Structure formats: structure tokens, C-alpha cells
Amino acid sequence: MSMADEHIKLTDQERRAQRRRSIAIGVFLAVLVVIFYVVALIKMGSQL
């Protein structure tokens, strides 16, 4: 039996926790993108 054939069964609680972590990471990354974008606009605006 290979590693690909083995499936890990998560409980409902573990699945919900995993989903919350995934959403938190997604929100964090989106906030970082917005911060970098705003900083870039500010830096470019000061050079004009």
C-alpha cells in the first residue's frame, strides 16, 4: 500500500479547525497584499 492510498479521516471538529485556519491564512495573505499595494502607491506617489 503506497502513501497515496492511505487517507486520513478527520473528525468534524478537526475539519472545522482546519477550515478556520485556512480562512485565517487567506485573510492574512489578502491583508498583506493590500498593505504592500498601499505602500507601493505611497512610494510611487511621493516620487511624482
Protein backbone atom coordinates (compact mmCIF):
# COMPACT_ATOMS: atom_id res chain seq x y z
CA MET A 1 0.00 0.00 0.00
CA SER A 2 1.51 3.33 -1.03
CA MET A 3 1.26 6.64 0.75
CA ALA A 4 -1.23 7.90 -1.85
CA ASP A 5 -3.62 5.07 -0.99
CA GLU A 6 -3.71 5.94 2.70
CA HIS A 7 -6.38 8.51 3.58
CA ILE A 8 -6.52 10.30 6.89
CA LYS A 9 -10.02 10.53 8.30
CA LEU A 10 -10.61 13.83 10.07
CA THR A 11 -13.33 14.34 12.61
CA ASP A 12 -15.87 17.12 12.07
CA GLN A 13 -14.15 19.18 14.75
CA GLU A 14 -10.73 18.76 13.08
CA ARG A 15 -12.22 19.62 9.69
CA ARG A 16 -13.79 22.81 11.10
CA ALA A 17 -10.50 23.78 12.76
CA GLN A 18 -8.63 23.17 9.51
CA ARG A 19 -11.14 25.31 7.60
CA ARG A 20 -10.81 28.13 10.15
CA ARG A 21 -7.02 28.02 9.83
CA SER A 22 -7.26 28.09 6.04
CA ILE A 23 -9.61 31.07 6.13
CA ALA A 24 -7.36 32.88 8.62
CA ILE A 25 -4.31 32.31 6.39
CA GLY A 26 -6.25 33.53 3.35
CA VAL A 27 -7.37 36.69 5.14
CA PHE A 28 -3.83 37.30 6.40
CA LEU A 29 -2.41 36.96 2.88
CA ALA A 30 -5.07 39.28 1.45
CA VAL A 31 -4.26 41.91 4.10
CA LEU A 32 -0.55 41.60 3.28
CA VAL A 33 -1.27 42.15 -0.42
CA VAL A 34 -3.31 45.26 0.38
CA ILE A 35 -0.57 46.61 2.66
CA PHE A 36 2.12 46.05 0.01
CA TYR A 37 -0.09 47.68 -2.63
CA VAL A 38 -0.76 50.74 -0.45
CA VAL A 39 2.92 51.10 0.44
CA ALA A 40 3.87 50.85 -3.24
CA LEU A 41 1.30 53.51 -4.17
CA ILE A 42 2.57 55.81 -1.42
CA LYS A 43 6.19 55.37 -2.52
CA MET A 44 5.33 55.91 -6.19
CA GLY A 45 3.15 58.91 -5.34
CA SER A 46 5.96 60.61 -3.43
CA GLN A 47 8.24 60.33 -6.48
CA LEU A 48 5.87 62.23 -8.77
